[in-house]
Amino acid sequence: MRCEKANVAVDTVLNLGAFNLDQVLKRRPAFLEPEYPFEWTGVWSLVAGRYELSLADGPDPEMSLIVTPDQGADDAALREGAEWCVRRYAEPAEPVRPGEALSVGKHLNLELDSPGRKSFLLELDARARLGLYAQHTAEEFDLQLANAQGATINPEAERTWVAQHEHDDEVGSISIERDGDVDPGKLEAWLGGLLAERGVDIFRMKGFISLAGESRRFVFQGVHMLFDGQPDRPWGDSPRRNQLVFIGRKLDEKSMRQGFEECLA
């Protein structure tokens, strides 16, 4: 049935027996969850001091992660932190060698190519509740956090996520953030060409755009060649800016950034 925005009579699509969600969820409990560029999160409440994050040999010679500040431990807070980390994961990761300090709020890449257990430092000037959004699960690397006295501190909350192609080196993400307004015609032409040429390789996209001459921000999302967007809340006194996130395979970051720059009014 041809329709626009699923505008069809409900009784024509219900009770067809073509798909049983309960059966699917029994086999795959995380079926309805989105995919993320990380697989595990731990939350710790820590006092000021010096800590050591250590990892044993694992399935990868590196571990990408983000340490989040003021991280809540309930499900809503973990999901909010996850969406924040998706944008940070789209930024280039800073390499960190064993023995070096971990920065809070940045996309980091722990270099784990040396044999044996590796340690990284974490120093806090005040009490804090930190989250750790990691590319792999803690079990894969026997990840442990210890205080200055060497005592292991267990996380007060843990969460596993559906990771997107977690061992596929060709899959990555791109985040484009830019102030200013966008010319609607140029944006339509650029997105149309991008999706026609690379839509198969774009797994997910989302964000918001400031369209020239429009008082409301324009929010969008898409999967592969499918794109949907609509006006959202008014900008009001908020700065007009653009934020786009693309997740996919072999994305040409330089070309995509240049293409969006050319859409600015």
C-alpha atoms as a PDB file:
ATOM      1  CA  MET A   1       0.000   0.000   0.000  1.00  0.00           C
ATOM      2  CA  ARG A   2       1.427   3.338  -0.982  1.00  0.00           C
ATOM      3  CA  CYS A   3       1.262   5.890   1.795  1.00  0.00           C
ATOM      4  CA  GLU A   4       2.975   8.933   3.262  1.00  0.00           C
ATOM      5  CA  LYS A   5       4.327   8.804   6.848  1.00  0.00           C
ATOM      6  CA  ALA A   6       2.512   5.483   7.477  1.00  0.00           C
ATOM      7  CA  ASN A   7      -0.941   7.043   6.997  1.00  0.00           C
ATOM      8  CA  VAL A   8      -2.882   3.786   6.545  1.00  0.00           C
ATOM      9  CA  ALA A   9      -5.818   2.214   8.321  1.00  0.00           C
ATOM     10  CA  VAL A  10      -4.568   0.281  11.362  1.00  0.00           C
ATOM     11  CA  ASP A  11      -6.765  -2.785  10.719  1.00  0.00           C
ATOM     12  CA  THR A  12      -5.045  -3.347   7.360  1.00  0.00           C
ATOM     13  CA  VAL A  13      -1.630  -3.958   8.944  1.00  0.00           C
ATOM     14  CA  LEU A  14      -2.449  -5.635  12.277  1.00  0.00           C
ATOM     15  CA  ASN A  15      -2.982  -9.328  13.041  1.00  0.00           C
ATOM     16  CA  LEU A  16      -1.394 -10.559   9.841  1.00  0.00           C
ATOM     17  CA  GLY A  17       0.862 -13.052  11.627  1.00  0.00           C
ATOM     18  CA  ALA A  18       3.840 -12.071   9.507  1.00  0.00           C
ATOM     19  CA  PHE A  19       6.099 -11.119  12.399  1.00  0.00           C
ATOM     20  CA  ASN A  20       6.119 -12.082  16.066  1.00  0.00           C
ATOM     21  CA  LEU A  21       8.061  -9.586  18.151  1.00  0.00           C
ATOM     22  CA  ASP A  22       7.890 -11.670  21.327  1.00  0.00           C
ATOM     23  CA  GLN A  23       9.603 -14.590  19.598  1.00  0.00           C
ATOM     24  CA  VAL A  24      12.309 -12.336  18.183  1.00  0.00           C
ATOM     25  CA  LEU A  25      12.976 -10.753  21.586  1.00  0.00           C
ATOM     26  CA  LYS A  26      13.382 -14.209  23.130  1.00  0.00           C
ATOM     27  CA  ARG A  27      16.175 -14.945  20.662  1.00  0.00           C
ATOM     28  CA  ARG A  28      17.630 -11.422  20.624  1.00  0.00           C
ATOM     29  CA  PRO A  29      16.648  -9.376  23.744  1.00  0.00           C
ATOM     30  CA  ALA A  30      18.441  -6.278  22.366  1.00  0.00           C
ATOM     31  CA  PHE A  31      16.618  -6.415  19.009  1.00  0.00           C
ATOM     32  CA  LEU A  32      14.860  -3.051  19.503  1.00  0.00           C
ATOM     33  CA  GLU A  33      17.930  -1.182  20.729  1.00  0.00           C
ATOM     34  CA  PRO A  34      20.006   1.083  18.424  1.00  0.00           C
ATOM     35  CA  GLU A  35      23.602   0.196  17.568  1.00  0.00           C
ATOM     36  CA  TYR A  36      26.431   2.188  19.133  1.00  0.00           C
ATOM     37  CA  PRO A  37      30.184   2.520  18.494  1.00  0.00           C
ATOM     38  CA  PHE A  38      30.817   1.171  22.023  1.00  0.00           C
ATOM     39  CA  GLU A  39      29.864  -2.062  23.744  1.00  0.00           C
ATOM     40  CA  TRP A  40      30.080  -1.520  27.505  1.00  0.00           C
ATOM     41  CA  THR A  41      29.621   1.175  30.177  1.00  0.00           C
ATOM     42  CA  GLY A  42      30.672   1.193  33.817  1.00  0.00           C
ATOM     43  CA  VAL A  43      29.884   3.905  36.396  1.00  0.00           C
ATOM     44  CA  TRP A  44      31.999   4.635  39.494  1.00  0.00           C
ATOM     45  CA  SER A  45      31.518   7.098  42.383  1.00  0.00           C
ATOM     46  CA  LEU A  46      35.033   8.223  43.325  1.00  0.00           C
ATOM     47  CA  VAL A  47      36.612  10.561  45.859  1.00  0.00           C
ATOM     48  CA  ALA A  48      39.486  12.869  44.982  1.00  0.00           C
ATOM     49  CA  GLY A  49      42.724  11.024  44.374  1.00  0.00           C
ATOM     50  CA  ARG A  50      44.788   8.990  41.978  1.00  0.00           C
ATOM     51  CA  TYR A  51      43.424   5.857  40.277  1.00  0.00           C
ATOM     52  CA  GLU A  52      44.738   3.226  37.910  1.00  0.00           C
ATOM     53  CA  LEU A  53      42.759   1.670  35.072  1.00  0.00           C
ATOM     54  CA  SER A  54      44.362  -1.612  34.032  1.00  0.00           C
ATOM     55  CA  LEU A  55      43.649  -4.030  31.187  1.00  0.00           C
ATOM     56  CA  ALA A  56      44.973  -7.487  30.384  1.00  0.00           C
ATOM     57  CA  ASP A  57      45.642  -8.813  26.889  1.00  0.00           C
ATOM     58  CA  GLY A  58      42.442  -8.926  24.874  1.00  0.00           C
ATOM     59  CA  PRO A  59      41.133  -9.512  21.344  1.00  0.00           C
ATOM     60  CA  ASP A  60      42.305  -6.106  20.080  1.00  0.00           C
ATOM     61  CA  PRO A  61      45.630  -4.211  20.220  1.00  0.00           C
ATOM     62  CA  GLU A  62      43.723  -1.058  21.162  1.00  0.00           C
ATOM     63  CA  MET A  63      40.643   0.070  23.062  1.00  0.00           C
ATOM     64  CA  SER A  64      38.633   3.162  22.200  1.00  0.00           C
ATOM     65  CA  LEU A  65      36.789   4.790  25.111  1.00  0.00           C
ATOM     66  CA  ILE A  66      35.375   7.970  26.637  1.00  0.00           C
ATOM     67  CA  VAL A  67      35.330   8.902  30.338  1.00  0.00           C
ATOM     68  CA  THR A  68      32.177  10.940  30.975  1.00  0.00           C
ATOM     69  CA  PRO A  69      31.820  13.432  33.860  1.00  0.00           C
ATOM     70  CA  ASP A  70      28.768  13.622  36.142  1.00  0.00           C
ATOM     71  CA  GLN A  71      27.453  10.307  34.871  1.00  0.00           C
ATOM     72  CA  GLY A  72      24.171   9.092  36.333  1.00  0.00           C
ATOM     73  CA  ALA A  73      23.684   5.391  37.029  1.00  0.00           C
ATOM     74  CA  ASP A  74      20.026   4.887  36.056  1.00  0.00           C
ATOM     75  CA  ASP A  75      18.962   3.724  32.593  1.00  0.00           C
ATOM     76  CA  ALA A  76      17.828   7.175  31.409  1.00  0.00           C
ATOM     77  CA  ALA A  77      21.151   8.751  32.407  1.00  0.00           C
ATOM     78  CA  LEU A  78      23.111   5.951  30.733  1.00  0.00           C
ATOM     79  CA  ARG A  79      21.168   6.413  27.497  1.00  0.00           C
ATOM     80  CA  GLU A  80      21.682  10.174  27.631  1.00  0.00           C
ATOM     81  CA  GLY A  81      25.402   9.606  28.110  1.00  0.00           C
ATOM     82  CA  ALA A  82      25.383   7.169  25.189  1.00  0.00           C
ATOM     83  CA  GLU A  83      23.922   9.752  22.799  1.00  0.00           C
ATOM     84  CA  TRP A  84      26.504  12.298  23.967  1.00  0.00           C
ATOM     85  CA  CYS A  85      29.302   9.778  23.395  1.00  0.00           C
ATOM     86  CA  VAL A  86      28.117   8.986  19.854  1.00  0.00           C
ATOM     87  CA  ARG A  87      29.097  12.534  18.863  1.00  0.00           C
ATOM     88  CA  ARG A  88      32.435  12.287  20.677  1.00  0.00           C
ATOM     89  CA  TYR A  89      33.177   8.945  19.014  1.00  0.00           C
ATOM     90  CA  ALA A  90      32.821  10.693  15.660  1.00  0.00           C
ATOM     91  CA  GLU A  91      35.854  12.828  16.545  1.00  0.00           C
ATOM     92  CA  PRO A  92      39.421  11.563  16.015  1.00  0.00           C
ATOM     93  CA  ALA A  93      40.670   9.637  19.047  1.00  0.00           C
ATOM     94  CA  GLU A  94      43.672  10.841  21.038  1.00  0.00           C
ATOM     95  CA  PRO A  95      46.250   8.053  21.473  1.00  0.00           C
ATOM     96  CA  VAL A  96      47.161   7.156  25.068  1.00  0.00           C
ATOM     97  CA  ARG A  97      50.148   4.966  25.919  1.00  0.00           C
ATOM     98  CA  PRO A  98      50.396   2.817  29.075  1.00  0.00           C
ATOM     99  CA  GLY A  99      51.407   4.936  32.071  1.00  0.00           C
ATOM    100  CA  GLU A 100      49.822   8.104  30.668  1.00  0.00           C
ATOM    101  CA  ALA A 101      46.797   9.931  32.106  1.00  0.00           C
ATOM    102  CA  LEU A 102      43.233   9.641  30.816  1.00  0.00           C
ATOM    103  CA  SER A 103      41.433  12.878  29.922  1.00  0.00           C
ATOM    104  CA  VAL A 104      37.778  13.197  30.907  1.00  0.00           C
ATOM    105  CA  GLY A 105      35.248  13.988  28.166  1.00  0.00           C
ATOM    106  CA  LYS A 106      37.498  13.142  25.213  1.00  0.00           C
ATOM    107  CA  HIS A 107      37.585  10.309  22.703  1.00  0.00           C
ATOM    108  CA  LEU A 108      40.664   8.271  23.659  1.00  0.00           C
ATOM    109  CA  ASN A 109      42.407   5.308  22.081  1.00  0.00           C
ATOM    110  CA  LEU A 110      44.327   3.110  24.526  1.00  0.00           C
ATOM    111  CA  GLU A 111      47.324   1.524  22.827  1.00  0.00           C
ATOM    112  CA  LEU A 112      47.520  -2.063  24.090  1.00  0.00           C
ATOM    113  CA  ASP A 113      50.072  -3.601  21.721  1.00  0.00           C
ATOM    114  CA  SER A 114      52.648  -4.353  24.450  1.00  0.00           C
ATOM    115  CA  PRO A 115      52.288  -7.802  26.120  1.00  0.00           C
ATOM    116  CA  GLY A 116      51.004  -8.233  29.664  1.00  0.00           C
ATOM    117  CA  ARG A 117      48.765  -6.054  31.802  1.00  0.00           C
ATOM    118  CA  LYS A 118      48.703  -2.342  30.884  1.00  0.00           C
ATOM    119  CA  SER A 119      47.809   0.536  33.235  1.00  0.00           C
ATOM    120  CA  PHE A 120      46.550   4.080  32.663  1.00  0.00           C
ATOM    121  CA  LEU A 121      46.239   6.865  35.221  1.00  0.00           C
ATOM    122  CA  LEU A 122      43.173   8.819  36.289  1.00  0.00           C
ATOM    123  CA  GLU A 123      43.572  11.782  38.663  1.00  0.00           C
ATOM    124  CA  LEU A 124      40.634  13.551  40.310  1.00  0.00           C
ATOM    125  CA  ASP A 125      40.802  16.875  42.170  1.00  0.00           C
ATOM    126  CA  ALA A 126      37.346  16.414  43.684  1.00  0.00           C
ATOM    127  CA  ARG A 127      34.682  13.783  44.279  1.00  0.00           C
ATOM    128  CA  ALA A 128      33.069  12.691  41.025  1.00  0.00           C
ATOM    129  CA  ARG A 129      30.828  10.066  39.456  1.00  0.00           C
ATOM    130  CA  LEU A 130      32.437   8.964  36.212  1.00  0.00           C
ATOM    131  CA  GLY A 131      31.194   6.806  33.381  1.00  0.00           C
ATOM    132  CA  LEU A 132      33.383   4.734  31.074  1.00  0.00           C
ATOM    133  CA  TYR A 133      31.962   4.064  27.590  1.00  0.00           C
ATOM    134  CA  ALA A 134      34.289   1.456  26.085  1.00  0.00           C
ATOM    135  CA  GLN A 135      34.613  -0.101  22.653  1.00  0.00           C
ATOM    136  CA  HIS A 136      34.761  -3.619  24.156  1.00  0.00           C
ATOM    137  CA  THR A 137      33.334  -5.214  27.275  1.00  0.00           C
ATOM    138  CA  ALA A 138      35.248  -5.200  30.550  1.00  0.00           C
ATOM    139  CA  GLU A 139      35.351  -9.019  30.546  1.00  0.00           C
ATOM    140  CA  GLU A 140      37.242  -9.170  27.246  1.00  0.00           C
ATOM    141  CA  PHE A 141      40.194  -7.299  28.783  1.00  0.00           C
ATOM    142  CA  ASP A 142      39.637  -8.039  32.481  1.00  0.00           C
ATOM    143  CA  LEU A 143      39.304  -4.267  32.939  1.00  0.00           C
ATOM    144  CA  GLN A 144      39.828  -3.110  36.545  1.00  0.00           C
ATOM    145  CA  LEU A 145      39.881   0.235  38.342  1.00  0.00           C
ATOM    146  CA  ALA A 146      42.008   0.482  41.510  1.00  0.00           C
ATOM    147  CA  ASN A 147      42.728   3.275  43.993  1.00  0.00           C
ATOM    148  CA  ALA A 148      46.157   4.504  45.103  1.00  0.00           C
ATOM    149  CA  GLN A 149      46.355   1.700  47.675  1.00  0.00           C
ATOM    150  CA  GLY A 150      45.829  -0.940  44.985  1.00  0.00           C
ATOM    151  CA  ALA A 151      42.303  -1.908  46.049  1.00  0.00           C
ATOM    152  CA  THR A 152      39.974  -2.755  43.171  1.00  0.00           C
ATOM    153  CA  ILE A 153      36.805  -0.648  42.993  1.00  0.00           C
ATOM    154  CA  ASN A 154      33.735  -2.293  41.477  1.00  0.00           C
ATOM    155  CA  PRO A 155      31.392  -0.177  39.330  1.00  0.00           C
ATOM    156  CA  GLU A 156      28.083   0.742  40.928  1.00  0.00           C
ATOM    157  CA  ALA A 157      26.336   0.257  37.586  1.00  0.00           C
ATOM    158  CA  GLU A 158      27.120  -1.545  34.324  1.00  0.00           C
ATOM    159  CA  ARG A 159      25.428  -1.629  30.937  1.00  0.00           C
ATOM    160  CA  THR A 160      26.119  -3.484  27.687  1.00  0.00           C
ATOM    161  CA  TRP A 161      25.104  -2.027  24.328  1.00  0.00           C
ATOM    162  CA  VAL A 162      24.454  -3.372  20.849  1.00  0.00           C
ATOM    163  CA  ALA A 163      27.733  -2.555  19.138  1.00  0.00           C
ATOM    164  CA  GLN A 164      27.742  -1.814  15.429  1.00  0.00           C
ATOM    165  CA  HIS A 165      30.128  -4.100  13.533  1.00  0.00           C
ATOM    166  CA  GLU A 166      32.422  -3.853  16.530  1.00  0.00           C
ATOM    167  CA  HIS A 167      35.350  -5.613  14.777  1.00  0.00           C
ATOM    168  CA  ASP A 168      34.906  -4.081  11.295  1.00  0.00           C
ATOM    169  CA  ASP A 169      37.739  -1.620  10.694  1.00  0.00           C
ATOM    170  CA  GLU A 170      35.939  -0.160   7.673  1.00  0.00           C
ATOM    171  CA  VAL A 171      33.028   1.114   9.776  1.00  0.00           C
ATOM    172  CA  GLY A 172      33.308   4.540  11.389  1.00  0.00           C
ATOM    173  CA  SER A 173      31.429   7.726  12.153  1.00  0.00           C
ATOM    174  CA  ILE A 174      31.683  11.375  11.152  1.00  0.00           C
ATOM    175  CA  SER A 175      30.397  14.349  13.132  1.00  0.00           C
ATOM    176  CA  ILE A 176      29.945  17.724  11.427  1.00  0.00           C
ATOM    177  CA  GLU A 177      29.254  20.739  13.645  1.00  0.00           C
ATOM    178  CA  ARG A 178      29.057  24.214  12.085  1.00  0.00           C
ATOM    179  CA  ASP A 179      27.543  27.583  13.011  1.00  0.00           C
ATOM    180  CA  GLY A 180      25.479  29.578  10.502  1.00  0.00           C
ATOM    181  CA  ASP A 181      22.567  28.980   8.137  1.00  0.00           C
ATOM    182  CA  VAL A 182      22.296  26.487   5.295  1.00  0.00           C
ATOM    183  CA  ASP A 183      20.872  27.157   1.827  1.00  0.00           C
ATOM    184  CA  PRO A 184      17.925  24.694   1.438  1.00  0.00           C
ATOM    185  CA  GLY A 185      18.455  24.178  -2.292  1.00  0.00           C
ATOM    186  CA  LYS A 186      22.160  23.448  -1.936  1.00  0.00           C
ATOM    187  CA  LEU A 187      21.491  21.116   1.007  1.00  0.00           C
ATOM    188  CA  GLU A 188      18.882  19.145  -0.946  1.00  0.00           C
ATOM    189  CA  ALA A 189      21.238  18.764  -3.916  1.00  0.00           C
ATOM    190  CA  TRP A 190      24.175  17.697  -1.718  1.00  0.00           C
ATOM    191  CA  LEU A 191      22.209  15.169   0.352  1.00  0.00           C
ATOM    192  CA  GLY A 192      20.484  13.787  -2.727  1.00  0.00           C
ATOM    193  CA  GLY A 193      23.800  13.205  -4.460  1.00  0.00           C
ATOM    194  CA  LEU A 194      25.418  11.786  -1.327  1.00  0.00           C
ATOM    195  CA  LEU A 195      22.631   9.270  -0.674  1.00  0.00           C
ATOM    196  CA  ALA A 196      22.416   8.275  -4.329  1.00  0.00           C
ATOM    197  CA  GLU A 197      26.151   7.613  -4.477  1.00  0.00           C
ATOM    198  CA  ARG A 198      26.943   6.341  -0.959  1.00  0.00           C
ATOM    199  CA  GLY A 199      23.565   5.538   0.590  1.00  0.00           C
ATOM    200  CA  VAL A 200      24.289   1.800   0.766  1.00  0.00           C
ATOM    201  CA  ASP A 201      27.315   2.523   2.978  1.00  0.00           C
ATOM    202  CA  ILE A 202      25.510   4.972   5.299  1.00  0.00           C
ATOM    203  CA  PHE A 203      24.013   2.883   8.112  1.00  0.00           C
ATOM    204  CA  ARG A 204      22.577   5.729  10.153  1.00  0.00           C
ATOM    205  CA  MET A 205      22.412   9.534  10.131  1.00  0.00           C
ATOM    206  CA  LYS A 206      20.786  12.056  12.413  1.00  0.00           C
ATOM    207  CA  GLY A 207      21.062  15.668  13.529  1.00  0.00           C
ATOM    208  CA  PHE A 208      19.607  19.137  13.159  1.00  0.00           C
ATOM    209  CA  ILE A 209      20.147  21.952  10.651  1.00  0.00           C
ATOM    210  CA  SER A 210      19.639  25.718  10.609  1.00  0.00           C
ATOM    211  CA  LEU A 211      17.890  26.499   7.317  1.00  0.00           C
ATOM    212  CA  ALA A 212      18.142  30.058   6.008  1.00  0.00           C
ATOM    213  CA  GLY A 213      14.814  31.870   6.302  1.00  0.00           C
ATOM    214  CA  GLU A 214      13.340  29.273   8.698  1.00  0.00           C
ATOM    215  CA  SER A 215      12.582  30.263  12.312  1.00  0.00           C
ATOM    216  CA  ARG A 216      12.582  26.654  13.515  1.00  0.00           C
ATOM    217  CA  ARG A 217      15.446  24.193  13.504  1.00  0.00           C
ATOM    218  CA  PHE A 218      15.152  21.293  11.064  1.00  0.00           C
ATOM    219  CA  VAL A 219      15.706  17.809  12.551  1.00  0.00           C
ATOM    220  CA  PHE A 220      16.407  14.759  10.429  1.00  0.00           C
ATOM    221  CA  GLN A 221      17.274  11.080  10.592  1.00  0.00           C
ATOM    222  CA  GLY A 222      17.848   8.380   8.040  1.00  0.00           C
ATOM    223  CA  VAL A 223      18.984   4.865   7.250  1.00  0.00           C
ATOM    224  CA  HIS A 224      20.811   4.136   3.979  1.00  0.00           C
ATOM    225  CA  MET A 225      18.887   5.915   1.180  1.00  0.00           C
ATOM    226  CA  LEU A 226      15.857   6.647   3.387  1.00  0.00           C
ATOM    227  CA  PHE A 227      15.740  10.217   4.714  1.00  0.00           C
ATOM    228  CA  ASP A 228      13.113  11.968   6.811  1.00  0.00           C
ATOM    229  CA  GLY A 229      13.097  15.423   8.357  1.00  0.00           C
ATOM    230  CA  GLN A 230      10.736  18.046   9.683  1.00  0.00           C
ATOM    231  CA  PRO A 231      10.720  21.432  11.462  1.00  0.00           C
ATOM    232  CA  ASP A 232      11.262  21.268  15.220  1.00  0.00           C
ATOM    233  CA  ARG A 233      11.208  23.871  17.993  1.00  0.00           C
ATOM    234  CA  PRO A 234      11.892  27.576  17.250  1.00  0.00           C
ATOM    235  CA  TRP A 235      15.475  28.790  17.523  1.00  0.00           C
ATOM    236  CA  GLY A 236      14.465  31.769  19.644  1.00  0.00           C
ATOM    237  CA  ASP A 237      17.548  33.373  21.178  1.00  0.00           C
ATOM    238  CA  SER A 238      19.626  30.208  20.843  1.00  0.00           C
ATOM    239  CA  PRO A 239      22.643  30.339  18.508  1.00  0.00           C
ATOM    240  CA  ARG A 240      21.790  28.980  15.066  1.00  0.00           C
ATOM    241  CA  ARG A 241      24.032  26.014  14.336  1.00  0.00           C
ATOM    242  CA  ASN A 242      24.171  22.677  12.550  1.00  0.00           C
ATOM    243  CA  GLN A 243      25.043  19.223  13.839  1.00  0.00           C
ATOM    244  CA  LEU A 244      25.137  16.124  11.647  1.00  0.00           C
ATOM    245  CA  VAL A 245      26.291  12.600  12.557  1.00  0.00           C
ATOM    246  CA  PHE A 246      26.887   9.858   9.965  1.00  0.00           C
ATOM    247  CA  ILE A 247      27.715   6.225  10.768  1.00  0.00           C
ATOM    248  CA  GLY A 248      28.750   3.940   7.943  1.00  0.00           C
ATOM    249  CA  ARG A 249      31.412   2.094   5.965  1.00  0.00           C
ATOM    250  CA  LYS A 250      34.373   3.776   4.251  1.00  0.00           C
ATOM    251  CA  LEU A 251      32.960   7.284   4.676  1.00  0.00           C
ATOM    252  CA  ASP A 252      34.994  10.010   2.960  1.00  0.00           C
ATOM    253  CA  GLU A 253      35.195  12.539   5.804  1.00  0.00           C
ATOM    254  CA  LYS A 254      37.084  15.217   3.854  1.00  0.00           C
ATOM    255  CA  SER A 255      34.665  15.127   0.937  1.00  0.00           C
ATOM    256  CA  MET A 256      31.571  15.109   3.175  1.00  0.00           C
ATOM    257  CA  ARG A 257      32.793  18.041   5.246  1.00  0.00           C
ATOM    258  CA  GLN A 258      33.608  19.999   2.113  1.00  0.00           C
ATOM    259  CA  GLY A 259      30.222  19.175   0.597  1.00  0.00           C
ATOM    260  CA  PHE A 260      28.373  20.480   3.651  1.00  0.00           C
ATOM    261  CA  GLU A 261      30.542  23.609   3.826  1.00  0.00           C
ATOM    262  CA  GLU A 262      29.425  24.442   0.284  1.00  0.00           C
ATOM    263  CA  CYS A 263      25.782  24.306   1.470  1.00  0.00           C
ATOM    264  CA  LEU A 264      26.222  27.238   3.856  1.00  0.00           C
ATOM    265  CA  ALA A 265      24.290  30.340   2.867  1.00  0.00           C
END
